Amino acid sequence: MPQSAAILSPCVKVCRIEPGGDVCLGCERTLAEIAGWGLFTNAERAAIMATLPARRSVRRDGGTAP
């Protein structure tokens, strides 16, 4: 059975963490998610990817990302 392709990083090469925060304003991942990305399974990566649109929406609407 062929292996599925790895889910690529959502990094957009705009790495910026606000002071006191832990979410990248470029890709919306937490520092822990960024650090662990290479070790995560495709299922874990997919779960993170699924949360990113909501994080962007919250930040765009003036809230704080979860």
N, C-alpha and C. Protein backbone atom coordinates (compact mmCIF):
# COMPACT_ATOMS: atom_id res chain seq x y z
N MET A 1 0.85 -1.17 0.00
CA MET A 1 0.00 0.00 0.00
C MET A 1 0.90 1.24 0.00
N PRO A 2 0.69 2.19 -0.94
CA PRO A 2 1.53 3.38 -0.99
C PRO A 2 1.27 4.30 0.19
N GLN A 3 2.36 4.93 0.65
CA GLN A 3 2.22 5.89 1.74
C GLN A 3 1.65 7.19 1.20
N SER A 4 0.87 7.87 2.03
CA SER A 4 0.34 9.17 1.60
C SER A 4 1.44 10.21 1.74
N ALA A 5 1.36 11.23 0.92
CA ALA A 5 2.35 12.30 0.95
C ALA A 5 2.23 13.08 2.26
N ALA A 6 3.35 13.54 2.74
CA ALA A 6 3.36 14.34 3.97
C ALA A 6 2.64 15.66 3.74
N ILE A 7 1.94 16.09 4.75
CA ILE A 7 1.27 17.40 4.69
C ILE A 7 2.35 18.45 4.87
N LEU A 8 2.45 19.35 3.92
CA LEU A 8 3.48 20.37 3.95
C LEU A 8 3.20 21.43 5.01
N SER A 9 4.24 22.07 5.43
CA SER A 9 4.14 23.12 6.42
C SER A 9 3.34 24.31 5.86
N PRO A 10 2.52 24.95 6.68
CA PRO A 10 1.79 26.12 6.23
C PRO A 10 2.63 27.40 6.31
N CYS A 11 3.93 27.27 6.60
CA CYS A 11 4.81 28.42 6.73
C CYS A 11 4.76 29.28 5.48
N VAL A 12 4.62 30.59 5.67
CA VAL A 12 4.60 31.54 4.56
C VAL A 12 5.83 32.44 4.59
N LYS A 13 6.83 32.07 5.39
CA LYS A 13 8.10 32.79 5.51
C LYS A 13 7.91 34.21 6.05
N VAL A 14 6.87 34.40 6.84
CA VAL A 14 6.63 35.66 7.54
C VAL A 14 6.54 35.29 9.02
N CYS A 15 7.69 35.06 9.61
CA CYS A 15 7.76 34.58 10.99
C CYS A 15 7.77 35.77 11.94
N ARG A 16 6.67 35.94 12.65
CA ARG A 16 6.57 37.06 13.58
C ARG A 16 5.71 36.63 14.76
N ILE A 17 6.31 36.69 15.93
CA ILE A 17 5.60 36.38 17.16
C ILE A 17 5.50 37.68 17.96
N GLU A 18 4.29 38.07 18.33
CA GLU A 18 4.15 39.28 19.12
C GLU A 18 4.71 39.06 20.52
N PRO A 19 5.30 40.10 21.12
CA PRO A 19 5.82 39.95 22.48
C PRO A 19 4.75 39.39 23.41
N GLY A 20 5.13 38.39 24.19
CA GLY A 20 4.20 37.78 25.12
C GLY A 20 3.27 36.76 24.50
N GLY A 21 3.37 36.57 23.20
CA GLY A 21 2.49 35.61 22.53
C GLY A 21 3.21 34.34 22.19
N ASP A 22 2.47 33.39 21.63
CA ASP A 22 3.11 32.15 21.19
C ASP A 22 2.54 31.67 19.87
N VAL A 23 1.93 32.58 19.09
CA VAL A 23 1.37 32.22 17.80
C VAL A 23 2.05 33.05 16.72
N CYS A 24 2.51 32.38 15.66
CA CYS A 24 3.14 33.06 14.55
C CYS A 24 2.05 33.81 13.77
N LEU A 25 2.31 35.07 13.50
CA LEU A 25 1.33 35.87 12.76
C LEU A 25 1.34 35.55 11.27
N GLY A 26 2.35 34.83 10.81
CA GLY A 26 2.41 34.44 9.40
C GLY A 26 1.60 33.20 9.12
N CYS A 27 1.84 32.14 9.90
CA CYS A 27 1.18 30.86 9.61
C CYS A 27 0.10 30.49 10.63
N GLU A 28 0.02 31.22 11.72
CA GLU A 28 -0.98 31.01 12.77
C GLU A 28 -0.72 29.78 13.65
N ARG A 29 0.43 29.12 13.49
CA ARG A 29 0.74 27.99 14.36
C ARG A 29 1.36 28.49 15.66
N THR A 30 1.20 27.69 16.71
CA THR A 30 1.86 28.00 17.97
C THR A 30 3.33 27.62 17.85
N LEU A 31 4.13 28.14 18.77
CA LEU A 31 5.54 27.79 18.78
C LEU A 31 5.74 26.29 18.93
N ALA A 32 4.93 25.66 19.77
CA ALA A 32 5.01 24.21 19.96
C ALA A 32 4.67 23.46 18.66
N GLU A 33 3.69 23.94 17.93
CA GLU A 33 3.31 23.31 16.66
C GLU A 33 4.42 23.47 15.62
N ILE A 34 5.04 24.63 15.59
CA ILE A 34 6.14 24.87 14.65
C ILE A 34 7.31 23.96 14.99
N ALA A 35 7.66 23.91 16.26
CA ALA A 35 8.81 23.11 16.70
C ALA A 35 8.59 21.62 16.45
N GLY A 36 7.38 21.14 16.63
CA GLY A 36 7.11 19.72 16.50
C GLY A 36 6.68 19.26 15.12
N TRP A 37 6.52 20.18 14.18
CA TRP A 37 5.95 19.85 12.87
C TRP A 37 6.61 18.65 12.22
N GLY A 38 7.92 18.59 12.23
CA GLY A 38 8.64 17.50 11.58
C GLY A 38 8.42 16.14 12.23
N LEU A 39 7.96 16.13 13.46
CA LEU A 39 7.73 14.88 14.19
C LEU A 39 6.27 14.43 14.17
N PHE A 40 5.37 15.32 13.80
CA PHE A 40 3.94 15.01 13.84
C PHE A 40 3.55 14.05 12.73
N THR A 41 2.53 13.26 12.99
CA THR A 41 1.96 12.39 11.97
C THR A 41 1.12 13.23 11.02
N ASN A 42 0.76 12.66 9.88
CA ASN A 42 -0.12 13.38 8.96
C ASN A 42 -1.45 13.71 9.61
N ALA A 43 -1.95 12.83 10.47
CA ALA A 43 -3.22 13.10 11.15
C ALA A 43 -3.08 14.30 12.09
N GLU A 44 -1.96 14.37 12.80
CA GLU A 44 -1.73 15.51 13.70
C GLU A 44 -1.58 16.80 12.90
N ARG A 45 -0.84 16.73 11.79
CA ARG A 45 -0.68 17.91 10.94
C ARG A 45 -2.02 18.36 10.36
N ALA A 46 -2.82 17.40 9.93
CA ALA A 46 -4.13 17.73 9.37
C ALA A 46 -5.02 18.40 10.42
N ALA A 47 -4.95 17.92 11.66
CA ALA A 47 -5.75 18.53 12.73
C ALA A 47 -5.32 19.97 12.96
N ILE A 48 -4.02 20.23 12.93
CA ILE A 48 -3.53 21.60 13.10
C ILE A 48 -3.98 22.45 11.92
N MET A 49 -3.80 21.94 10.72
CA MET A 49 -4.19 22.69 9.51
C MET A 49 -5.67 23.07 9.55
N ALA A 50 -6.49 22.19 10.10
CA ALA A 50 -7.93 22.45 10.18
C ALA A 50 -8.25 23.62 11.11
N THR A 51 -7.38 23.89 12.08
CA THR A 51 -7.65 24.99 13.02
C THR A 51 -7.18 26.35 12.50
N LEU A 52 -6.31 26.37 11.50
CA LEU A 52 -5.69 27.62 11.07
C LEU A 52 -6.68 28.65 10.52
N PRO A 53 -7.66 28.27 9.70
CA PRO A 53 -8.61 29.28 9.21
C PRO A 53 -9.36 29.99 10.35
N ALA A 54 -9.75 29.25 11.37
CA ALA A 54 -10.45 29.87 12.50
C ALA A 54 -9.53 30.82 13.25
N ARG A 55 -8.26 30.43 13.40
CA ARG A 55 -7.30 31.30 14.07
C ARG A 55 -7.13 32.60 13.30
N ARG A 56 -7.03 32.50 11.98
CA ARG A 56 -6.90 33.70 11.14
C ARG A 56 -8.13 34.57 11.29
N SER A 57 -9.29 33.95 11.28
CA SER A 57 -10.54 34.69 11.38
C SER A 57 -10.64 35.43 12.70
N VAL A 58 -10.28 34.77 13.79
CA VAL A 58 -10.33 35.40 15.11
C VAL A 58 -9.40 36.60 15.15
N ARG A 59 -8.19 36.43 14.64
CA ARG A 59 -7.22 37.53 14.66
C ARG A 59 -7.68 38.67 13.76
N ARG A 60 -8.20 38.34 12.58
CA ARG A 60 -8.66 39.35 11.65
C ARG A 60 -9.83 40.16 12.23
N ASP A 61 -10.65 39.49 13.02
CA ASP A 61 -11.81 40.15 13.62
C ASP A 61 -11.48 40.86 14.92
N GLY A 62 -10.20 40.90 15.28
CA GLY A 62 -9.79 41.66 16.46
C GLY A 62 -9.67 40.87 17.75
N GLY A 63 -9.90 39.56 17.69
CA GLY A 63 -9.77 38.73 18.90
C GLY A 63 -8.36 38.22 19.03
N THR A 64 -8.19 37.26 19.88
CA THR A 64 -6.90 36.62 20.02
C THR A 64 -7.02 35.18 19.58
N ALA A 65 -5.99 34.67 18.97
CA ALA A 65 -6.01 33.28 18.49
C ALA A 65 -6.00 32.33 19.67
N PRO A 66 -6.71 31.19 19.52
CA PRO A 66 -6.74 30.19 20.59
C PRO A 66 -5.39 29.55 20.81
